[in-house]
Amino acid sequence: MLQTNTISRKLAKESSPVRLNLFQRLVRQWETLHPYNGVQALRVRGLLDLNHCRRAWQDSIDSLGLGRVHVAKDRYHFVCLNGDTEQHTVQLCPHGTCLYEWISTELNHPFDPAQTVPFRPFLIHQQDSSWFGLTYQHWVADSASIRRLMREWFARLFDPTAAATRPLRAGGAGYFHLFGPHRSNCSSGVAVMAYLRWHSQFRRVQRIENPQKFAQLPARFIHRKTEAGLIDRLVVLAKEAHVTVNDIFLAAIAQACRKYVPIHARGIRNDLAIGTIVDLRPKAPRPMDEVFNLLLGFTSISCRPADFDSWPKLLSAVARQTRQQKLHHTAEGSWIRMIGGLAASRWLNRHKHLELYRKRVALAGAVSNVNLNRDWPARYHPDPLLQYIRVAPTGPMTPLVFTTTTLGNTLGIGLTYRHVLIKEQWAAGILQTFVDQLEKFVEEGT
């Protein structure tokens, strides 16, 4: 039986209130349109005992100081569940449950505002392995924070000596404090100019013209793995071509979206835009490993029709833009775009709110890319940790999001998509086109 750290539980009973940062406030606005849920799950060897899994989950959130989240105006804090654990414990899914169908349902299942618990843990038994994971309200935490929570849950199941015994911090420092002009080489003037360039870029971008379908946000999720070793070869080729692996992903996504996503050219709107979700923690002025929060930025690239003449030309166009973004700290300057989104949508009704994103941020797709070989799962892979899946929501800005996750020598590719806009067979085609381009790039070496 797991031993609970009593001192840690007392310290973590209630965290101090902290201010909602800009992205948290923006995502909470998005949640008024549709649930903005994320999912993370990992597969381990063998069939986990349900009671053991439940005790490990409860001990994890108690020790980390998590539980219910209470929001008052612009501040929030966590309160441990204490005696109210049975209602929010790990759910054992029915025999034969398909993980991807479960995730698709969870993406569209809102959290009960009366319960204020932002986590729904689950367990799925398969033939000789188990999936365990959780659905979470994304405004509470980013992928890095959830991976930290998953680490504690995993440790209490497989490596108790590695389990943490002190609470995480909810944060408190805002985006401007962490990533503002005084923290980087990006002055306010440069940030404003970057915002204006970003705004001008989207005036030339194709967008989805059917407002009724665009307003429907229900999502589905599919996933596949590439052949072992493909990602290793991509890393080598990226270095030889002086690009990043994410550049390759962006170019391949652009090709897939151009083929399948129902965007339309009109007038000067001929370009295609793809977004990247960026983890800003490494760019903070101090270590953020112990912070449980949402600290993400975003960038976007646009591809002109002529860029699709050849793969080298497309990849070069993408890499040129991402290099400029790093030079100008575009991701860190996301705070200025968040302010614009908050200000513009504060007084809009649902229709106008969605119309704002359809017109102003007409992304055809986006990517969230993580290499877990640099994180804790690499220590336990391939035994007992067999696989790790991350799932990002689409939100109001984009009809689809790729979640690419590297573990060992295998690349896992998830695709979250709005099934009203993108048919099931199209989604399969998008995923296949993406993989085909990666394999072709590796085969040809250019």
Protein backbone atom coordinates (compact mmCIF):
# COMPACT_ATOMS: atom_id res chain seq x y z
CA MET A 1 0.00 0.00 0.00
CA LEU A 2 1.20 3.52 -0.82
CA GLN A 3 2.46 5.62 2.05
CA THR A 4 1.07 9.15 2.01
CA ASN A 5 3.32 12.00 3.06
CA THR A 6 1.24 13.60 5.83
CA ILE A 7 3.31 16.76 6.04
CA SER A 8 3.00 17.36 2.31
CA ARG A 9 -0.76 16.90 2.47
CA LYS A 10 -1.08 19.50 5.21
CA LEU A 11 1.10 21.96 3.31
CA ALA A 12 -0.83 21.35 0.10
CA LYS A 13 -4.31 21.56 1.58
CA GLU A 14 -4.92 24.92 -0.06
CA SER A 15 -2.60 26.87 -2.32
CA SER A 16 -2.28 30.65 -2.20
CA PRO A 17 -4.42 32.51 -4.75
CA VAL A 18 -2.55 33.54 -7.90
CA ARG A 19 -3.53 35.75 -10.79
CA LEU A 20 -4.79 34.23 -14.03
CA ASN A 21 -2.26 34.92 -16.75
CA LEU A 22 -3.18 36.23 -20.19
CA PHE A 23 -3.42 32.85 -21.90
CA GLN A 24 -5.50 31.38 -19.08
CA ARG A 25 -7.96 34.23 -19.40
CA LEU A 26 -8.10 33.80 -23.17
CA VAL A 27 -8.66 30.03 -22.95
CA ARG A 28 -11.41 30.54 -20.39
CA GLN A 29 -13.12 32.73 -22.98
CA TRP A 30 -12.73 29.95 -25.53
CA GLU A 31 -14.38 27.54 -23.09
CA THR A 32 -17.58 29.58 -23.34
CA LEU A 33 -17.69 28.47 -27.00
CA HIS A 34 -16.79 24.79 -26.56
CA PRO A 35 -14.88 22.62 -24.05
CA TYR A 36 -11.17 23.27 -24.39
CA ASN A 37 -9.93 19.95 -23.00
CA GLY A 38 -6.60 18.22 -23.39
CA VAL A 39 -5.81 14.54 -22.86
CA GLN A 40 -2.64 12.65 -22.00
CA ALA A 41 -2.40 8.88 -21.69
CA LEU A 42 0.33 6.29 -21.48
CA ARG A 43 0.37 2.56 -22.10
CA VAL A 44 2.22 0.24 -19.76
CA ARG A 45 2.94 -3.46 -19.76
CA GLY A 46 0.47 -5.62 -17.84
CA LEU A 47 -2.99 -5.03 -16.36
CA LEU A 48 -2.99 -2.40 -13.61
CA ASP A 49 -4.96 -3.02 -10.44
CA LEU A 50 -7.78 -0.46 -10.25
CA ASN A 51 -7.49 0.17 -6.51
CA HIS A 52 -3.72 0.58 -6.74
CA CYS A 53 -4.20 3.00 -9.62
CA ARG A 54 -6.76 5.00 -7.62
CA ARG A 55 -4.55 5.22 -4.53
CA ALA A 56 -1.59 6.33 -6.66
CA TRP A 57 -3.69 9.02 -8.36
CA GLN A 58 -5.04 10.39 -5.11
CA ASP A 59 -1.63 10.42 -3.47
CA SER A 60 -0.22 12.25 -6.51
CA ILE A 61 -2.66 15.14 -6.53
CA ASP A 62 -2.61 15.43 -2.73
CA SER A 63 1.19 15.58 -2.59
CA LEU A 64 1.38 18.08 -5.46
CA GLY A 65 -1.25 20.33 -3.89
CA LEU A 66 -3.85 19.86 -6.62
CA GLY A 67 -7.56 19.05 -6.53
CA ARG A 68 -10.45 21.46 -6.88
CA VAL A 69 -9.70 24.79 -8.52
CA HIS A 70 -11.53 27.85 -7.24
CA VAL A 71 -11.69 31.00 -9.39
CA ALA A 72 -12.67 34.39 -8.01
CA LYS A 73 -12.52 37.29 -10.47
CA ASP A 74 -8.96 37.21 -11.86
CA ARG A 75 -7.44 34.87 -9.27
CA TYR A 76 -7.54 31.13 -8.62
CA HIS A 77 -6.20 28.54 -6.21
CA PHE A 78 -6.24 24.77 -5.66
CA VAL A 79 -7.83 22.94 -2.73
CA CYS A 80 -7.10 19.26 -2.05
CA LEU A 81 -10.06 16.92 -2.28
CA ASN A 82 -9.44 15.39 1.16
CA GLY A 83 -12.53 13.31 1.98
CA ASP A 84 -14.28 14.06 -1.30
CA THR A 85 -12.24 11.60 -3.38
CA GLU A 86 -14.67 8.83 -4.29
CA GLN A 87 -16.60 11.07 -6.67
CA HIS A 88 -13.47 12.10 -8.56
CA THR A 89 -11.46 8.91 -8.61
CA VAL A 90 -10.04 6.96 -11.54
CA GLN A 91 -12.75 5.62 -13.85
CA LEU A 92 -12.33 2.09 -15.20
CA CYS A 93 -13.59 2.15 -18.78
CA PRO A 94 -15.85 -0.68 -20.01
CA HIS A 95 -14.19 -3.76 -21.46
CA GLY A 96 -13.39 -3.28 -25.15
CA THR A 97 -13.24 0.53 -24.97
CA CYS A 98 -11.28 2.03 -27.88
CA LEU A 99 -8.85 4.63 -26.55
CA TYR A 100 -9.34 6.98 -29.51
CA GLU A 101 -13.13 6.84 -29.29
CA TRP A 102 -12.85 7.54 -25.56
CA ILE A 103 -10.61 10.54 -26.23
CA SER A 104 -12.96 11.87 -28.91
CA THR A 105 -15.85 11.77 -26.44
CA GLU A 106 -13.78 13.39 -23.69
CA LEU A 107 -12.72 16.29 -25.93
CA ASN A 108 -16.38 17.30 -26.25
CA HIS A 109 -17.40 16.55 -22.65
CA PRO A 110 -17.46 19.78 -20.58
CA PHE A 111 -16.31 19.79 -16.99
CA ASP A 112 -19.04 20.35 -14.43
CA PRO A 113 -18.62 23.95 -13.21
CA ALA A 114 -20.23 23.00 -9.90
CA GLN A 115 -17.58 20.35 -9.17
CA THR A 116 -14.55 22.56 -10.03
CA VAL A 117 -12.25 19.54 -10.39
CA PRO A 118 -10.27 20.05 -13.64
CA PHE A 119 -9.11 16.41 -14.01
CA ARG A 120 -10.88 13.22 -15.12
CA PRO A 121 -8.51 10.23 -14.71
CA PHE A 122 -9.28 6.96 -16.49
CA LEU A 123 -7.98 3.40 -16.89
CA ILE A 124 -8.43 1.14 -19.93
CA HIS A 125 -7.45 -2.52 -19.82
CA GLN A 126 -6.31 -4.19 -23.03
CA GLN A 127 -5.13 -7.76 -23.64
CA ASP A 128 -1.75 -7.57 -21.93
CA SER A 129 -1.35 -3.84 -21.30
CA SER A 130 -3.11 -0.87 -19.73
CA TRP A 131 -3.76 2.71 -20.76
CA PHE A 132 -4.04 5.21 -17.93
CA GLY A 133 -4.34 8.94 -18.29
CA LEU A 134 -6.52 11.95 -17.76
CA THR A 135 -8.65 14.54 -19.45
CA TYR A 136 -7.92 18.03 -18.17
CA GLN A 137 -9.17 21.58 -18.54
CA HIS A 138 -6.44 23.15 -20.60
CA TRP A 139 -6.68 26.58 -19.00
CA VAL A 140 -5.38 25.06 -15.75
CA ALA A 141 -2.19 23.55 -17.17
CA ASP A 142 -0.04 23.13 -20.26
CA SER A 143 1.38 19.88 -21.59
CA ALA A 144 4.57 20.19 -19.53
CA SER A 145 2.57 20.57 -16.30
CA ILE A 146 0.40 17.56 -17.10
CA ARG A 147 3.49 15.50 -17.94
CA ARG A 148 4.79 16.38 -14.47
CA LEU A 149 1.52 15.19 -12.92
CA MET A 150 1.65 12.02 -15.02
CA ARG A 151 5.22 11.45 -13.82
CA GLU A 152 4.08 11.45 -10.21
CA TRP A 153 1.20 9.09 -10.95
CA PHE A 154 3.52 6.77 -12.86
CA ALA A 155 6.19 6.86 -10.13
CA ARG A 156 3.72 5.88 -7.42
CA LEU A 157 2.77 2.87 -9.53
CA PHE A 158 6.20 1.73 -10.72
CA ASP A 159 8.98 3.61 -8.92
CA PRO A 160 7.77 4.95 -5.53
CA THR A 161 11.25 6.15 -4.48
CA ALA A 162 11.12 8.69 -7.35
CA ALA A 163 7.83 10.23 -6.21
CA ALA A 164 7.83 13.91 -5.22
CA THR A 165 6.87 14.93 -1.69
CA ARG A 166 6.27 18.66 -1.99
CA PRO A 167 3.54 20.71 -3.71
CA LEU A 168 3.95 22.40 -7.04
CA ARG A 169 3.54 26.15 -7.37
CA ALA A 170 0.56 27.43 -9.34
CA GLY A 171 2.67 30.27 -10.70
CA GLY A 172 1.67 33.89 -10.29
CA ALA A 173 4.09 35.66 -12.62
CA GLY A 174 2.31 36.92 -15.74
CA TYR A 175 3.40 36.72 -19.35
CA PHE A 176 4.70 40.28 -19.47
CA HIS A 177 6.77 39.73 -16.33
CA LEU A 178 8.25 36.48 -17.66
CA PHE A 179 8.57 37.23 -21.37
CA GLY A 180 8.17 40.99 -21.76
CA PRO A 181 10.70 43.36 -23.37
CA HIS A 182 12.77 43.62 -20.16
CA ARG A 183 13.29 39.84 -20.27
CA SER A 184 14.36 39.44 -23.90
CA ASN A 185 15.90 41.32 -26.79
CA CYS A 186 12.41 42.06 -28.05
CA SER A 187 11.58 45.68 -27.22
CA SER A 188 8.01 46.93 -27.05
CA GLY A 189 8.48 48.58 -30.43
CA VAL A 190 9.72 45.33 -31.98
CA ALA A 191 6.80 43.45 -30.37
CA VAL A 192 4.28 45.92 -31.79
CA MET A 193 5.87 45.70 -35.25
CA ALA A 194 5.77 41.89 -35.04
CA TYR A 195 2.08 42.09 -34.16
CA LEU A 196 1.40 44.35 -37.14
CA ARG A 197 3.30 42.00 -39.48
CA TRP A 198 1.33 39.08 -38.06
CA HIS A 199 -1.95 40.96 -38.59
CA SER A 200 -0.93 41.89 -42.15
CA GLN A 201 0.03 38.28 -42.89
CA PHE A 202 -3.48 37.03 -42.16
CA ARG A 203 -5.02 39.51 -44.57
CA ARG A 204 -3.51 37.38 -47.35
CA VAL A 205 -4.47 33.99 -45.92
CA GLN A 206 -7.20 31.70 -47.25
CA ARG A 207 -9.98 30.90 -44.82
CA ILE A 208 -12.98 28.66 -44.36
CA GLU A 209 -15.93 30.44 -45.92
CA ASN A 210 -18.83 28.44 -44.42
CA PRO A 211 -19.64 30.27 -41.17
CA GLN A 212 -22.27 27.76 -40.06
CA LYS A 213 -19.92 24.80 -40.23
CA PHE A 214 -17.01 26.80 -38.83
CA ALA A 215 -19.14 27.66 -35.79
CA GLN A 216 -19.48 23.96 -34.90
CA LEU A 217 -16.53 22.87 -32.79
CA PRO A 218 -17.07 19.17 -31.85
CA ALA A 219 -13.80 17.30 -32.35
CA ARG A 220 -12.53 13.79 -32.99
CA PHE A 221 -9.10 12.23 -32.52
CA ILE A 222 -7.10 9.67 -34.50
CA HIS A 223 -3.53 8.47 -34.04
CA ARG A 224 -0.82 6.40 -35.68
CA LYS A 225 2.86 5.59 -35.21
CA THR A 226 5.58 5.77 -37.85
CA GLU A 227 8.07 3.00 -38.51
CA ALA A 228 10.82 2.73 -35.94
CA GLY A 229 13.87 4.78 -36.91
CA LEU A 230 12.07 7.27 -39.16
CA ILE A 231 12.35 10.06 -36.60
CA ASP A 232 16.08 9.38 -36.11
CA ARG A 233 16.66 9.78 -39.83
CA LEU A 234 14.58 12.97 -39.89
CA VAL A 235 16.80 14.45 -37.16
CA VAL A 236 19.93 13.72 -39.20
CA LEU A 237 18.47 15.12 -42.42
CA ALA A 238 17.18 18.24 -40.67
CA LYS A 239 20.70 19.04 -39.45
CA GLU A 240 22.14 18.45 -42.92
CA ALA A 241 19.53 20.76 -44.46
CA HIS A 242 20.00 23.41 -41.72
CA VAL A 243 16.34 23.22 -40.73
CA THR A 244 14.55 21.87 -37.66
CA VAL A 245 12.42 18.75 -37.39
CA ASN A 246 9.48 21.05 -36.62
CA ASP A 247 10.13 22.88 -39.92
CA ILE A 248 9.75 19.54 -41.70
CA PHE A 249 6.51 18.87 -39.82
CA LEU A 250 5.14 22.31 -40.71
CA ALA A 251 5.89 21.87 -44.40
CA ALA A 252 4.31 18.39 -44.45
CA ILE A 253 1.23 19.69 -42.61
CA ALA A 254 0.93 22.55 -45.10
CA GLN A 255 0.86 20.06 -47.97
CA ALA A 256 -1.77 17.91 -46.26
CA CYS A 257 -3.97 20.90 -45.39
CA ARG A 258 -3.72 22.31 -48.92
CA LYS A 259 -5.06 19.02 -50.22
CA TYR A 260 -7.88 18.36 -47.75
CA VAL A 261 -8.91 21.36 -45.61
CA PRO A 262 -11.87 23.28 -47.13
CA ILE A 263 -10.18 26.69 -47.36
CA HIS A 264 -10.80 29.01 -50.29
CA ALA A 265 -8.77 31.62 -52.15
CA ARG A 266 -10.42 34.96 -52.82
CA GLY A 267 -8.88 38.22 -54.01
CA ILE A 268 -5.53 38.67 -52.30
CA ARG A 269 -6.25 35.69 -50.02
CA ASN A 270 -4.05 33.05 -51.62
CA ASP A 271 -1.69 31.99 -48.82
CA LEU A 272 -2.05 29.11 -46.38
CA ALA A 273 -1.21 29.57 -42.69
CA ILE A 274 -0.05 26.91 -40.21
CA GLY A 275 0.45 27.57 -36.50
CA THR A 276 2.91 26.20 -33.95
CA ILE A 277 2.19 25.90 -30.23
CA VAL A 278 5.37 26.82 -28.35
CA ASP A 279 6.41 25.83 -24.82
CA LEU A 280 7.71 29.07 -23.30
CA ARG A 281 9.15 27.53 -20.12
CA PRO A 282 12.73 27.24 -21.48
CA LYS A 283 12.57 30.95 -22.33
CA ALA A 284 11.65 32.05 -18.80
CA PRO A 285 14.27 33.90 -16.70
CA ARG A 286 14.19 31.21 -14.00
CA PRO A 287 13.55 27.45 -13.84
CA MET A 288 9.85 26.60 -14.21
CA ASP A 289 9.94 22.85 -13.49
CA GLU A 290 8.00 23.23 -10.23
CA VAL A 291 5.34 25.53 -11.71
CA PHE A 292 1.91 24.07 -12.56
CA ASN A 293 0.45 26.55 -15.01
CA LEU A 294 -0.32 27.38 -18.64
CA LEU A 295 2.80 28.90 -20.21
CA LEU A 296 2.42 28.57 -23.96
CA GLY A 297 2.98 30.89 -26.88
CA PHE A 298 2.24 30.55 -30.55
CA THR A 299 3.70 31.43 -33.92
CA SER A 300 2.52 30.91 -37.50
CA ILE A 301 4.01 30.58 -40.94
CA SER A 302 2.30 31.32 -44.25
CA CYS A 303 2.93 29.52 -47.52
CA ARG A 304 2.33 31.20 -50.86
CA PRO A 305 1.06 29.23 -53.88
CA ALA A 306 4.50 29.33 -55.51
CA ASP A 307 6.05 27.73 -52.40
CA PHE A 308 4.26 24.48 -53.25
CA ASP A 309 6.09 24.15 -56.59
CA SER A 310 8.55 21.75 -54.96
CA TRP A 311 9.28 20.25 -51.55
CA PRO A 312 12.72 21.95 -51.17
CA LYS A 313 11.15 25.31 -51.98
CA LEU A 314 8.35 24.78 -49.46
CA LEU A 315 10.71 23.63 -46.70
CA SER A 316 13.02 26.58 -47.38
CA ALA A 317 10.12 29.05 -47.14
CA VAL A 318 9.02 27.55 -43.82
CA ALA A 319 12.53 27.49 -42.33
CA ARG A 320 13.19 31.08 -43.38
CA GLN A 321 10.13 32.25 -41.44
CA THR A 322 10.85 30.21 -38.30
CA ARG A 323 14.43 31.51 -38.17
CA GLN A 324 13.12 35.07 -38.30
CA GLN A 325 10.63 34.29 -35.54
CA LYS A 326 13.39 33.03 -33.26
CA LEU A 327 15.49 36.06 -34.05
CA HIS A 328 12.63 38.43 -33.17
CA HIS A 329 11.36 36.39 -30.18
CA THR A 330 7.93 36.04 -31.78
CA ALA A 331 6.79 33.27 -29.44
CA GLU A 332 7.69 35.30 -26.35
CA GLY A 333 5.80 38.23 -27.87
CA SER A 334 2.58 36.19 -27.92
CA TRP A 335 1.37 38.24 -24.96
CA ILE A 336 0.65 41.22 -27.21
CA ARG A 337 -1.56 39.07 -29.47
CA MET A 338 -3.30 37.62 -26.42
CA ILE A 339 -4.13 41.12 -25.23
CA GLY A 340 -5.60 41.85 -28.65
CA GLY A 341 -7.72 38.69 -28.55
CA LEU A 342 -8.99 39.41 -25.05
CA ALA A 343 -9.85 43.00 -25.84
CA ALA A 344 -11.58 42.22 -29.14
CA SER A 345 -13.72 39.35 -27.86
CA ARG A 346 -14.70 40.63 -24.42
CA TRP A 347 -18.05 42.06 -25.53
CA LEU A 348 -18.82 39.81 -28.51
CA ASN A 349 -21.60 37.23 -28.69
CA ARG A 350 -20.77 33.65 -29.67
CA HIS A 351 -21.28 34.18 -33.39
CA LYS A 352 -19.18 37.35 -33.52
CA HIS A 353 -16.53 35.74 -31.32
CA LEU A 354 -16.10 32.85 -33.75
CA GLU A 355 -16.27 35.22 -36.71
CA LEU A 356 -13.36 37.15 -35.20
CA TYR A 357 -11.09 34.09 -35.34
CA ARG A 358 -12.37 32.92 -38.72
CA LYS A 359 -11.46 36.28 -40.25
CA ARG A 360 -8.45 37.40 -38.24
CA VAL A 361 -6.56 34.16 -37.52
CA ALA A 362 -7.43 31.92 -40.44
CA LEU A 363 -5.16 28.97 -39.70
CA ALA A 364 -5.55 25.84 -41.82
CA GLY A 365 -3.88 23.73 -39.12
CA ALA A 366 -1.43 23.73 -36.23
CA VAL A 367 1.17 21.52 -34.58
CA SER A 368 2.28 20.81 -31.00
CA ASN A 369 5.60 18.97 -31.13
CA VAL A 370 7.31 17.34 -28.12
CA ASN A 371 10.39 15.14 -27.87
CA LEU A 372 9.92 12.93 -24.79
CA ASN A 373 13.46 11.60 -25.09
CA ARG A 374 14.39 14.79 -23.25
CA ASP A 375 11.85 14.17 -20.49
CA TRP A 376 11.12 11.62 -17.77
CA PRO A 377 9.34 8.98 -19.97
CA ALA A 378 12.65 8.13 -21.68
CA ARG A 379 13.90 6.70 -18.37
CA TYR A 380 11.17 4.04 -18.32
CA HIS A 381 10.83 3.27 -22.03
CA PRO A 382 10.36 0.62 -23.41
CA ASP A 383 9.67 -1.29 -20.20
CA PRO A 384 7.27 -0.78 -18.49
CA LEU A 385 6.30 2.36 -20.45
CA LEU A 386 5.30 1.32 -23.96
CA GLN A 387 3.66 4.41 -25.45
CA TYR A 388 2.74 8.02 -24.59
CA ILE A 389 -0.05 9.98 -26.30
CA ARG A 390 -0.77 13.70 -26.07
CA VAL A 391 -3.98 15.27 -27.39
CA ALA A 392 -4.44 19.01 -28.03
CA PRO A 393 -7.83 20.66 -28.65
CA THR A 394 -8.53 22.61 -31.83
CA GLY A 395 -10.03 25.69 -30.19
CA PRO A 396 -11.80 28.39 -32.23
CA MET A 397 -8.83 29.22 -34.51
CA THR A 398 -8.04 26.07 -36.44
CA PRO A 399 -9.94 23.07 -37.84
CA LEU A 400 -7.18 20.61 -36.91
CA VAL A 401 -4.14 20.18 -34.67
CA PHE A 402 -1.31 17.67 -34.99
CA THR A 403 0.35 16.40 -31.81
CA THR A 404 3.69 14.85 -32.73
CA THR A 405 5.39 13.00 -29.89
CA THR A 406 8.79 11.29 -30.07
CA LEU A 407 9.64 8.50 -27.62
CA GLY A 408 12.59 6.23 -28.24
CA ASN A 409 13.00 5.76 -31.98
CA THR A 410 9.29 6.07 -32.74
CA LEU A 411 7.20 9.09 -33.71
CA GLY A 412 3.57 9.10 -32.60
CA ILE A 413 1.24 11.36 -34.60
CA GLY A 414 -2.11 12.44 -33.22
CA LEU A 415 -4.68 14.43 -35.15
CA THR A 416 -7.51 16.32 -33.49
CA TYR A 417 -10.01 17.61 -36.05
CA ARG A 418 -13.46 19.17 -36.27
CA HIS A 419 -15.49 16.41 -37.84
CA VAL A 420 -18.19 18.78 -39.12
CA LEU A 421 -15.62 20.51 -41.33
CA ILE A 422 -13.37 17.54 -42.06
CA LYS A 423 -14.87 14.19 -42.94
CA GLU A 424 -13.49 11.04 -41.35
CA GLN A 425 -11.93 9.87 -44.62
CA TRP A 426 -10.36 13.29 -45.10
CA ALA A 427 -8.79 13.10 -41.65
CA ALA A 428 -7.31 9.72 -42.52
CA GLY A 429 -6.05 11.24 -45.78
CA ILE A 430 -4.47 14.17 -43.95
CA LEU A 431 -2.62 11.84 -41.61
CA GLN A 432 -1.52 9.60 -44.49
CA THR A 433 -0.34 12.54 -46.61
CA PHE A 434 1.70 13.82 -43.67
CA VAL A 435 3.37 10.44 -43.09
CA ASP A 436 3.94 9.87 -46.82
CA GLN A 437 5.80 13.18 -47.10
CA LEU A 438 8.02 12.34 -44.12
CA GLU A 439 8.84 8.95 -45.59
CA LYS A 440 9.49 10.45 -49.02
CA PHE A 441 11.82 13.05 -47.51
CA VAL A 442 13.77 10.32 -45.72
CA GLU A 443 13.89 8.11 -48.83
CA GLU A 444 15.10 10.85 -51.15
CA GLY A 445 17.25 12.58 -48.55
CA THR A 446 16.30 16.07 -49.82
